[in-house]
Amino acid sequence: MTIPAAPEVFVFDVVGTLADLQPVEDRMQARGLLAGSLDPWFRHMLRDAMALTLAGDYLPFAEVAASALRSHTCGALSDDDVESILGGFSETRPHPDAVPAVDAALESGARVIALSNGAASSTDGFLDRAGIRDRVEQVLSIDDVRAWKPSPAPYRLAVERAGVPASSMAMIAVHSWDLHGAGRVGMRTGWCSREEGVLTPAFARPDVVADRLDDVVRKLTTPSVTSE
């Protein structure tokens, strides 16, 4: 299938997609948790966040993250431990393919928006550390709509703020569930396999797939390229 005209707006997920969470993992180990604890805790947090959203309730990223950390470790962590571990989010740096992906989007003539389950202030801080805050037109947070991705509200907010049809936008992420949500509101989608490795069959197949974020962007901006 031939990819349509290049997107006018690229919407990038932030946590895990642009931002490398290794500092959080390092702090977990410094507080006595086993290596590899990041992924199961993060999945626990997402489960709780999605459950809250399904129930019609809302708590912001920091509160759900802290709650899940305490629950996942069966109450073994002190308040200082939890605060220290979550402080790792203020030290995150971009994955090697993150800045090239944003640059590739801009070079295509598109605009760039960040859409995160995290707070806008946290995203701003990360983009500053990555040296690309001035390249991102808008920073949008689920706090603006009080619903976690992949519920429709955050993606619809991005469409509203971008001022173009959803079909003229593309969501970029390493999470299959995130792209499923974006696709449901009409955005095109691009999946980077860096984190999950394989696509989740239960979710709609992304329009393009690649091993690097910048290659995902290039596939979406090259009309002659076909989806895999």
Protein backbone atom coordinates (compact mmCIF):
# COMPACT_ATOMS: atom_id res chain seq x y z
CA MET A 1 0.00 0.00 0.00
CA THR A 2 1.46 3.36 -0.99
CA ILE A 3 1.83 5.85 1.84
CA PRO A 4 -0.25 9.05 1.31
CA ALA A 5 1.25 12.53 1.16
CA ALA A 6 3.66 13.34 3.97
CA PRO A 7 2.03 14.30 7.28
CA GLU A 8 1.67 17.97 8.09
CA VAL A 9 2.15 17.34 11.81
CA PHE A 10 4.14 14.68 13.64
CA VAL A 11 3.03 13.85 17.18
CA PHE A 12 5.72 12.19 19.28
CA ASP A 13 5.16 10.17 22.40
CA VAL A 14 7.79 11.09 24.99
CA VAL A 15 8.24 8.62 27.87
CA GLY A 16 10.11 5.63 26.48
CA THR A 17 9.86 6.83 22.87
CA LEU A 18 12.00 9.97 22.91
CA ALA A 19 13.20 9.71 26.52
CA ASP A 20 15.50 6.92 27.72
CA LEU A 21 14.40 5.82 31.21
CA GLN A 22 17.78 4.34 32.18
CA PRO A 23 18.28 6.93 34.98
CA VAL A 24 15.12 5.62 36.64
CA GLU A 25 16.38 2.04 36.35
CA ASP A 26 19.74 3.10 37.83
CA ARG A 27 18.03 4.69 40.80
CA MET A 28 15.92 1.57 41.33
CA GLN A 29 19.06 -0.52 41.63
CA ALA A 30 20.66 2.06 43.93
CA ARG A 31 17.67 1.60 46.26
CA GLY A 32 18.03 -2.17 46.33
CA LEU A 33 15.71 -3.29 43.53
CA LEU A 34 16.85 -5.96 41.09
CA ALA A 35 18.18 -5.12 37.65
CA GLY A 36 15.34 -5.14 35.15
CA SER A 37 12.78 -3.83 37.64
CA LEU A 38 11.87 -0.86 35.45
CA ASP A 39 9.78 -2.67 32.84
CA PRO A 40 7.46 -4.64 35.17
CA TRP A 41 6.90 -1.58 37.36
CA PHE A 42 6.18 0.59 34.31
CA ARG A 43 3.65 -1.95 33.03
CA HIS A 44 2.07 -2.00 36.50
CA MET A 45 1.79 1.79 36.40
CA LEU A 46 0.19 1.77 32.95
CA ARG A 47 -2.30 -0.87 34.06
CA ASP A 48 -3.35 1.24 37.02
CA ALA A 49 -3.55 4.40 34.93
CA MET A 50 -5.69 2.76 32.28
CA ALA A 51 -7.92 1.23 34.96
CA LEU A 52 -8.49 4.68 36.46
CA THR A 53 -9.34 6.09 33.05
CA LEU A 54 -11.76 3.27 32.28
CA ALA A 55 -13.47 3.88 35.62
CA GLY A 56 -13.86 7.57 34.81
CA ASP A 57 -11.29 8.73 37.36
CA TYR A 58 -7.96 10.51 36.97
CA LEU A 59 -4.65 10.91 38.75
CA PRO A 60 -1.57 12.52 37.16
CA PHE A 61 1.58 10.65 36.16
CA ALA A 62 3.58 11.30 39.33
CA GLU A 63 0.84 10.05 41.64
CA VAL A 64 0.12 6.90 39.66
CA ALA A 65 3.84 6.21 39.29
CA ALA A 66 4.42 6.49 43.05
CA SER A 67 1.36 4.39 43.87
CA ALA A 68 2.39 1.64 41.46
CA LEU A 69 5.95 1.67 42.77
CA ARG A 70 4.75 1.10 46.32
CA SER A 71 2.31 -1.61 45.25
CA HIS A 72 4.71 -3.36 42.89
CA THR A 73 7.35 -3.63 45.64
CA CYS A 74 4.76 -4.76 48.22
CA GLY A 75 5.42 -1.71 50.39
CA ALA A 76 9.14 -2.40 50.74
CA LEU A 77 10.18 1.11 49.71
CA SER A 78 10.27 4.12 52.02
CA ASP A 79 8.92 7.50 50.99
CA ASP A 80 12.53 8.61 50.44
CA ASP A 81 13.12 5.59 48.18
CA VAL A 82 10.08 6.39 46.07
CA GLU A 83 11.00 10.06 45.80
CA SER A 84 14.55 9.21 44.82
CA ILE A 85 13.55 6.69 42.16
CA LEU A 86 10.98 8.95 40.55
CA GLY A 87 13.57 11.73 40.60
CA GLY A 88 15.26 9.80 37.80
CA PHE A 89 12.68 11.21 35.39
CA SER A 90 14.36 14.61 35.81
CA GLU A 91 17.61 13.09 34.48
CA THR A 92 16.33 11.37 31.35
CA ARG A 93 18.17 11.94 28.09
CA PRO A 94 17.09 11.23 24.52
CA HIS A 95 17.49 7.85 22.89
CA PRO A 96 20.10 7.99 20.08
CA ASP A 97 17.39 8.02 17.40
CA ALA A 98 15.18 10.63 19.08
CA VAL A 99 16.73 13.92 17.96
CA PRO A 100 17.35 12.59 14.41
CA ALA A 101 13.66 11.64 14.25
CA VAL A 102 12.50 15.12 15.25
CA ASP A 103 14.92 16.64 12.76
CA ALA A 104 13.70 14.32 10.00
CA ALA A 105 10.12 15.42 10.69
CA LEU A 106 11.07 19.09 10.50
CA GLU A 107 13.16 18.57 7.36
CA SER A 108 10.08 17.16 5.65
CA GLY A 109 8.34 20.49 6.27
CA ALA A 110 6.10 19.15 9.01
CA ARG A 111 5.43 20.60 12.44
CA VAL A 112 6.24 18.68 15.62
CA ILE A 113 4.09 18.23 18.74
CA ALA A 114 4.91 16.26 21.87
CA LEU A 115 2.02 14.36 23.49
CA SER A 116 2.84 12.72 26.80
CA ASN A 117 1.23 10.83 29.64
CA GLY A 118 3.62 12.87 31.79
CA ALA A 119 3.26 16.45 32.99
CA ALA A 120 3.96 19.27 30.54
CA SER A 121 6.63 20.66 32.86
CA SER A 122 8.42 17.30 32.92
CA THR A 123 8.29 17.09 29.13
CA ASP A 124 9.60 20.64 28.79
CA GLY A 125 12.50 19.73 31.06
CA PHE A 126 13.35 16.66 29.00
CA LEU A 127 13.19 18.57 25.72
CA ASP A 128 15.48 21.24 27.18
CA ARG A 129 18.01 18.58 28.21
CA ALA A 130 17.77 17.06 24.74
CA GLY A 131 18.39 20.48 23.20
CA ILE A 132 15.25 20.38 21.07
CA ARG A 133 12.65 22.38 22.97
CA ASP A 134 12.73 25.08 20.31
CA ARG A 135 11.99 22.49 17.61
CA VAL A 136 8.76 21.32 19.23
CA GLU A 137 5.81 23.57 18.51
CA GLN A 138 3.58 22.42 21.37
CA VAL A 139 3.90 20.25 24.46
CA LEU A 140 0.62 18.56 25.36
CA SER A 141 -0.12 16.52 28.46
CA ILE A 142 -2.90 14.20 29.51
CA ASP A 143 -3.35 16.61 32.43
CA ASP A 144 -5.10 18.90 29.92
CA VAL A 145 -7.90 16.37 29.41
CA ARG A 146 -7.61 14.29 32.60
CA ALA A 147 -7.48 10.98 30.75
CA TRP A 148 -4.52 8.73 30.01
CA LYS A 149 -3.57 7.55 26.56
CA PRO A 150 -4.78 5.49 24.75
CA SER A 151 -8.22 6.95 25.51
CA PRO A 152 -9.37 9.19 22.64
CA ALA A 153 -9.25 12.50 24.53
CA PRO A 154 -5.47 13.16 24.42
CA TYR A 155 -5.26 12.46 20.68
CA ARG A 156 -8.30 14.60 19.98
CA LEU A 157 -6.62 17.37 21.95
CA ALA A 158 -3.59 17.10 19.66
CA VAL A 159 -5.82 17.30 16.58
CA GLU A 160 -7.63 20.34 17.99
CA ARG A 161 -4.41 22.14 18.89
CA ALA A 162 -2.74 21.30 15.57
CA GLY A 163 -5.64 22.74 13.62
CA VAL A 164 -5.44 20.17 10.82
CA PRO A 165 -7.42 16.99 10.10
CA ALA A 166 -6.34 13.90 12.01
CA SER A 167 -5.57 12.24 8.67
CA SER A 168 -2.87 14.88 8.09
CA MET A 169 -1.14 13.94 11.34
CA ALA A 170 1.09 11.02 12.31
CA MET A 171 1.69 9.60 15.78
CA ILE A 172 5.14 8.15 16.49
CA ALA A 173 5.71 5.79 19.41
CA VAL A 174 7.39 2.61 20.63
CA HIS A 175 4.14 1.43 22.24
CA SER A 176 1.59 -0.51 20.19
CA TRP A 177 -1.25 0.49 22.51
CA ASP A 178 -0.45 4.18 22.05
CA LEU A 179 -0.61 3.92 18.28
CA HIS A 180 -3.85 1.95 18.45
CA GLY A 181 -5.42 4.88 20.27
CA ALA A 182 -4.07 7.39 17.77
CA GLY A 183 -5.29 5.33 14.84
CA ARG A 184 -8.77 5.17 16.30
CA VAL A 185 -9.12 8.96 16.02
CA GLY A 186 -7.86 8.93 12.42
CA MET A 187 -4.15 9.67 12.74
CA ARG A 188 -1.58 7.79 10.72
CA THR A 189 0.78 5.79 12.87
CA GLY A 190 4.45 4.83 12.92
CA TRP A 191 5.87 2.19 15.25
CA CYS A 192 9.49 1.80 16.32
CA SER A 193 10.32 -1.75 17.42
CA ARG A 194 13.07 -0.65 19.81
CA GLU A 195 11.13 -1.44 22.98
CA GLU A 196 8.50 -4.09 22.26
CA GLY A 197 10.36 -6.04 19.59
CA VAL A 198 7.21 -7.44 18.00
CA LEU A 199 3.83 -5.94 17.26
CA THR A 200 0.89 -6.83 19.49
CA PRO A 201 -1.64 -8.67 17.28
CA ALA A 202 -4.61 -7.39 19.29
CA PHE A 203 -3.93 -3.81 18.16
CA ALA A 204 -4.39 -2.24 14.74
CA ARG A 205 -1.28 -2.60 12.61
CA PRO A 206 0.68 0.68 12.32
CA ASP A 207 0.99 2.31 8.90
CA VAL A 208 4.77 1.99 8.99
CA VAL A 209 7.26 -0.03 11.04
CA ALA A 210 11.01 0.42 11.51
CA ASP A 211 13.75 -0.32 14.02
CA ARG A 212 14.66 3.37 14.52
CA LEU A 213 12.46 6.39 15.12
CA ASP A 214 14.09 8.44 12.36
CA ASP A 215 13.48 5.62 9.88
CA VAL A 216 9.83 5.54 10.96
CA VAL A 217 9.57 9.25 10.16
CA ARG A 218 11.31 8.84 6.81
CA LYS A 219 8.93 6.07 5.79
CA LEU A 220 5.98 8.32 6.54
CA THR A 221 7.48 11.22 4.58
CA THR A 222 8.38 9.17 1.48
CA PRO A 223 5.23 8.57 -0.62
CA SER A 224 6.84 5.81 -2.67
CA VAL A 225 7.58 3.66 0.37
CA THR A 226 5.06 0.95 1.18
CA SER A 227 4.10 -0.20 4.64
CA GLU A 228 5.45 -3.54 5.81
